[in-house]
Amino acid sequence: MDTPEHHCNLGLAFLDQDNPREAARESDLALGLDSGYGPAWPARDWSWSSRG
């Protein structure tokens, strides 16, 4: 699936697996598809802040 929601959910799953690089990539893909997709913004922030 190539929807913002799908990529955002994958990003959150990667965060749960302690994989912030992949989480950030998925969040960026979600925002690339729809920069107005609200849930992707905090997911992106969480993934970047988890990278240390």
PDB file of N, CA and C in Angstrom:
ATOM      1  N   MET A   1       0.854  -1.184   0.000  1.00  0.00           N
ATOM      2  CA  MET A   1       0.000   0.000   0.000  1.00  0.00           C
ATOM      3  C   MET A   1       0.895   1.241   0.000  1.00  0.00           C
ATOM      4  N   ASP A   2       0.499   2.193  -0.749  1.00  0.00           N
ATOM      5  CA  ASP A   2       1.278   3.423  -0.817  1.00  0.00           C
ATOM      6  C   ASP A   2       0.404   4.604  -0.403  1.00  0.00           C
ATOM      7  N   THR A   3       0.029   4.586   0.875  1.00  0.00           N
ATOM      8  CA  THR A   3      -0.775   5.673   1.417  1.00  0.00           C
ATOM      9  C   THR A   3      -0.034   6.286   2.602  1.00  0.00           C
ATOM     10  N   PRO A   4      -0.316   7.547   2.902  1.00  0.00           N
ATOM     11  CA  PRO A   4       0.328   8.164   4.069  1.00  0.00           C
ATOM     12  C   PRO A   4       0.049   7.393   5.362  1.00  0.00           C
ATOM     13  N   GLU A   5      -1.171   6.922   5.511  1.00  0.00           N
ATOM     14  CA  GLU A   5      -1.536   6.193   6.730  1.00  0.00           C
ATOM     15  C   GLU A   5      -0.699   4.920   6.874  1.00  0.00           C
ATOM     16  N   HIS A   6      -0.533   4.203   5.790  1.00  0.00           N
ATOM     17  CA  HIS A   6       0.243   2.958   5.820  1.00  0.00           C
ATOM     18  C   HIS A   6       1.696   3.230   6.213  1.00  0.00           C
ATOM     19  N   HIS A   7       2.305   4.238   5.583  1.00  0.00           N
ATOM     20  CA  HIS A   7       3.702   4.555   5.894  1.00  0.00           C
ATOM     21  C   HIS A   7       3.857   5.061   7.332  1.00  0.00           C
ATOM     22  N   CYS A   8       2.888   5.830   7.785  1.00  0.00           N
ATOM     23  CA  CYS A   8       2.938   6.325   9.163  1.00  0.00           C
ATOM     24  C   CYS A   8       2.841   5.156  10.147  1.00  0.00           C
ATOM     25  N   ASN A   9       1.952   4.223   9.882  1.00  0.00           N
ATOM     26  CA  ASN A   9       1.820   3.045  10.751  1.00  0.00           C
ATOM     27  C   ASN A   9       3.080   2.197  10.742  1.00  0.00           C
ATOM     28  N   LEU A  10       3.698   2.046   9.570  1.00  0.00           N
ATOM     29  CA  LEU A  10       4.967   1.319   9.509  1.00  0.00           C
ATOM     30  C   LEU A  10       6.034   2.033  10.333  1.00  0.00           C
ATOM     31  N   GLY A  11       6.058   3.352  10.231  1.00  0.00           N
ATOM     32  CA  GLY A  11       7.018   4.129  11.006  1.00  0.00           C
ATOM     33  C   GLY A  11       6.848   3.918  12.501  1.00  0.00           C
ATOM     34  N   LEU A  12       5.614   3.914  12.953  1.00  0.00           N
ATOM     35  CA  LEU A  12       5.358   3.681  14.374  1.00  0.00           C
ATOM     36  C   LEU A  12       5.769   2.264  14.784  1.00  0.00           C
ATOM     37  N   ALA A  13       5.550   1.302  13.897  1.00  0.00           N
ATOM     38  CA  ALA A  13       5.966  -0.071  14.190  1.00  0.00           C
ATOM     39  C   ALA A  13       7.500  -0.152  14.302  1.00  0.00           C
ATOM     40  N   PHE A  14       8.198   0.565  13.424  1.00  0.00           N
ATOM     41  CA  PHE A  14       9.658   0.583  13.511  1.00  0.00           C
ATOM     42  C   PHE A  14      10.120   1.247  14.801  1.00  0.00           C
ATOM     43  N   LEU A  15       9.419   2.261  15.254  1.00  0.00           N
ATOM     44  CA  LEU A  15       9.769   2.871  16.541  1.00  0.00           C
ATOM     45  C   LEU A  15       9.605   1.863  17.671  1.00  0.00           C
ATOM     46  N   ASP A  16       8.532   1.090  17.624  1.00  0.00           N
ATOM     47  CA  ASP A  16       8.308   0.060  18.644  1.00  0.00           C
ATOM     48  C   ASP A  16       9.427  -0.987  18.638  1.00  0.00           C
ATOM     49  N   GLN A  17      10.035  -1.181  17.473  1.00  0.00           N
ATOM     50  CA  GLN A  17      11.126  -2.152  17.337  1.00  0.00           C
ATOM     51  C   GLN A  17      12.494  -1.501  17.569  1.00  0.00           C
ATOM     52  N   ASP A  18      12.484  -0.262  18.054  1.00  0.00           N
ATOM     53  CA  ASP A  18      13.720   0.481  18.325  1.00  0.00           C
ATOM     54  C   ASP A  18      14.573   0.648  17.064  1.00  0.00           C
ATOM     55  N   ASN A  19      13.899   1.023  15.980  1.00  0.00           N
ATOM     56  CA  ASN A  19      14.567   1.242  14.705  1.00  0.00           C
ATOM     57  C   ASN A  19      14.183   2.638  14.186  1.00  0.00           C
ATOM     58  N   PRO A  20      14.749   3.696  14.790  1.00  0.00           N
ATOM     59  CA  PRO A  20      14.336   5.048  14.436  1.00  0.00           C
ATOM     60  C   PRO A  20      14.704   5.470  13.022  1.00  0.00           C
ATOM     61  N   ARG A  21      15.760   4.893  12.442  1.00  0.00           N
ATOM     62  CA  ARG A  21      16.117   5.263  11.063  1.00  0.00           C
ATOM     63  C   ARG A  21      15.018   4.876  10.085  1.00  0.00           C
ATOM     64  N   GLU A  22      14.543   3.647  10.199  1.00  0.00           N
ATOM     65  CA  GLU A  22      13.463   3.201   9.313  1.00  0.00           C
ATOM     66  C   GLU A  22      12.164   3.938   9.631  1.00  0.00           C
ATOM     67  N   ALA A  23      11.949   4.242  10.906  1.00  0.00           N
ATOM     68  CA  ALA A  23      10.754   4.995  11.287  1.00  0.00           C
ATOM     69  C   ALA A  23      10.759   6.375  10.632  1.00  0.00           C
ATOM     70  N   ALA A  24      11.904   7.028  10.644  1.00  0.00           N
ATOM     71  CA  ALA A  24      12.012   8.350  10.018  1.00  0.00           C
ATOM     72  C   ALA A  24      11.790   8.254   8.516  1.00  0.00           C
ATOM     73  N   ARG A  25      12.333   7.226   7.908  1.00  0.00           N
ATOM     74  CA  ARG A  25      12.163   7.045   6.463  1.00  0.00           C
ATOM     75  C   ARG A  25      10.690   6.870   6.109  1.00  0.00           C
ATOM     76  N   GLU A  26       9.985   6.053   6.883  1.00  0.00           N
ATOM     77  CA  GLU A  26       8.558   5.827   6.622  1.00  0.00           C
ATOM     78  C   GLU A  26       7.737   7.104   6.852  1.00  0.00           C
ATOM     79  N   SER A  27       8.072   7.841   7.887  1.00  0.00           N
ATOM     80  CA  SER A  27       7.360   9.095   8.143  1.00  0.00           C
ATOM     81  C   SER A  27       7.596  10.085   7.013  1.00  0.00           C
ATOM     82  N   ASP A  28       8.827  10.138   6.516  1.00  0.00           N
ATOM     83  CA  ASP A  28       9.126  11.028   5.394  1.00  0.00           C
ATOM     84  C   ASP A  28       8.376  10.602   4.136  1.00  0.00           C
ATOM     85  N   LEU A  29       8.250   9.297   3.923  1.00  0.00           N
ATOM     86  CA  LEU A  29       7.466   8.817   2.776  1.00  0.00           C
ATOM     87  C   LEU A  29       6.003   9.226   2.917  1.00  0.00           C
ATOM     88  N   ALA A  30       5.460   9.104   4.118  1.00  0.00           N
ATOM     89  CA  ALA A  30       4.069   9.504   4.352  1.00  0.00           C
ATOM     90  C   ALA A  30       3.878  10.989   4.044  1.00  0.00           C
ATOM     91  N   LEU A  31       4.807  11.800   4.514  1.00  0.00           N
ATOM     92  CA  LEU A  31       4.705  13.239   4.286  1.00  0.00           C
ATOM     93  C   LEU A  31       4.960  13.596   2.827  1.00  0.00           C
ATOM     94  N   GLY A  32       5.759  12.807   2.140  1.00  0.00           N
ATOM     95  CA  GLY A  32       5.980  13.023   0.721  1.00  0.00           C
ATOM     96  C   GLY A  32       4.719  12.777  -0.091  1.00  0.00           C
ATOM     97  N   LEU A  33       3.906  11.842   0.366  1.00  0.00           N
ATOM     98  CA  LEU A  33       2.640  11.568  -0.311  1.00  0.00           C
ATOM     99  C   LEU A  33       1.580  12.610   0.019  1.00  0.00           C
ATOM    100  N   ASP A  34       1.602  13.085   1.262  1.00  0.00           N
ATOM    101  CA  ASP A  34       0.612  14.075   1.694  1.00  0.00           C
ATOM    102  C   ASP A  34       1.173  14.858   2.873  1.00  0.00           C
ATOM    103  N   SER A  35       1.704  16.037   2.574  1.00  0.00           N
ATOM    104  CA  SER A  35       2.321  16.841   3.643  1.00  0.00           C
ATOM    105  C   SER A  35       1.292  17.337   4.655  1.00  0.00           C
ATOM    106  N   GLY A  36       0.033  17.202   4.348  1.00  0.00           N
ATOM    107  CA  GLY A  36      -1.015  17.603   5.274  1.00  0.00           C
ATOM    108  C   GLY A  36      -1.529  16.468   6.142  1.00  0.00           C
ATOM    109  N   TYR A  37      -0.899  15.304   6.038  1.00  0.00           N
ATOM    110  CA  TYR A  37      -1.337  14.171   6.846  1.00  0.00           C
ATOM    111  C   TYR A  37      -0.808  14.358   8.267  1.00  0.00           C
ATOM    112  N   GLY A  38      -1.662  14.839   9.129  1.00  0.00           N
ATOM    113  CA  GLY A  38      -1.301  15.261  10.476  1.00  0.00           C
ATOM    114  C   GLY A  38      -0.559  14.246  11.329  1.00  0.00           C
ATOM    115  N   PRO A  39      -0.992  12.977  11.388  1.00  0.00           N
ATOM    116  CA  PRO A  39      -0.310  12.021  12.256  1.00  0.00           C
ATOM    117  C   PRO A  39       1.146  11.753  11.895  1.00  0.00           C
ATOM    118  N   ALA A  40       1.532  12.039  10.667  1.00  0.00           N
ATOM    119  CA  ALA A  40       2.915  11.771  10.259  1.00  0.00           C
ATOM    120  C   ALA A  40       3.901  12.759  10.879  1.00  0.00           C
ATOM    121  N   TRP A  41       3.459  13.953  11.185  1.00  0.00           N
ATOM    122  CA  TRP A  41       4.379  14.956  11.747  1.00  0.00           C
ATOM    123  C   TRP A  41       4.895  14.574  13.122  1.00  0.00           C
ATOM    124  N   PRO A  42       4.045  14.226  14.089  1.00  0.00           N
ATOM    125  CA  PRO A  42       4.608  13.815  15.384  1.00  0.00           C
ATOM    126  C   PRO A  42       5.382  12.501  15.281  1.00  0.00           C
ATOM    127  N   ALA A  43       4.946  11.599  14.394  1.00  0.00           N
ATOM    128  CA  ALA A  43       5.688  10.344  14.215  1.00  0.00           C
ATOM    129  C   ALA A  43       7.094  10.645  13.708  1.00  0.00           C
ATOM    130  N   ARG A  44       7.201  11.603  12.806  1.00  0.00           N
ATOM    131  CA  ARG A  44       8.516  12.003  12.288  1.00  0.00           C
ATOM    132  C   ARG A  44       9.368  12.602  13.407  1.00  0.00           C
ATOM    133  N   ASP A  45       8.763  13.465  14.201  1.00  0.00           N
ATOM    134  CA  ASP A  45       9.497  14.067  15.318  1.00  0.00           C
ATOM    135  C   ASP A  45       9.986  13.017  16.302  1.00  0.00           C
ATOM    136  N   TRP A  46       9.115  12.059  16.638  1.00  0.00           N
ATOM    137  CA  TRP A  46       9.510  11.006  17.575  1.00  0.00           C
ATOM    138  C   TRP A  46      10.660  10.189  17.013  1.00  0.00           C
ATOM    139  N   SER A  47      10.584   9.878  15.725  1.00  0.00           N
ATOM    140  CA  SER A  47      11.640   9.058  15.152  1.00  0.00           C
ATOM    141  C   SER A  47      12.968   9.792  15.126  1.00  0.00           C
ATOM    142  N   TRP A  48      12.953  11.078  14.799  1.00  0.00           N
ATOM    143  CA  TRP A  48      14.199  11.848  14.779  1.00  0.00           C
ATOM    144  C   TRP A  48      14.755  12.049  16.187  1.00  0.00           C
ATOM    145  N   SER A  49      13.895  12.266  17.154  1.00  0.00           N
ATOM    146  CA  SER A  49      14.377  12.459  18.523  1.00  0.00           C
ATOM    147  C   SER A  49      14.894  11.153  19.124  1.00  0.00           C
ATOM    148  N   SER A  50      14.424  10.025  18.626  1.00  0.00           N
ATOM    149  CA  SER A  50      14.890   8.726  19.117  1.00  0.00           C
ATOM    150  C   SER A  50      16.239   8.339  18.557  1.00  0.00           C
ATOM    151  N   ARG A  51      16.685   9.051  17.553  1.00  0.00           N
ATOM    152  CA  ARG A  51      17.974   8.701  16.922  1.00  0.00           C
ATOM    153  C   ARG A  51      19.158   9.118  17.778  1.00  0.00           C
ATOM    154  N   GLY A  52      18.916  10.015  18.711  1.00  0.00           N
ATOM    155  CA  GLY A  52      19.961  10.396  19.646  1.00  0.00           C
ATOM    156  C   GLY A  52      20.923  11.409  19.216  1.00  0.00           C
TER     157      GLY A  52
END
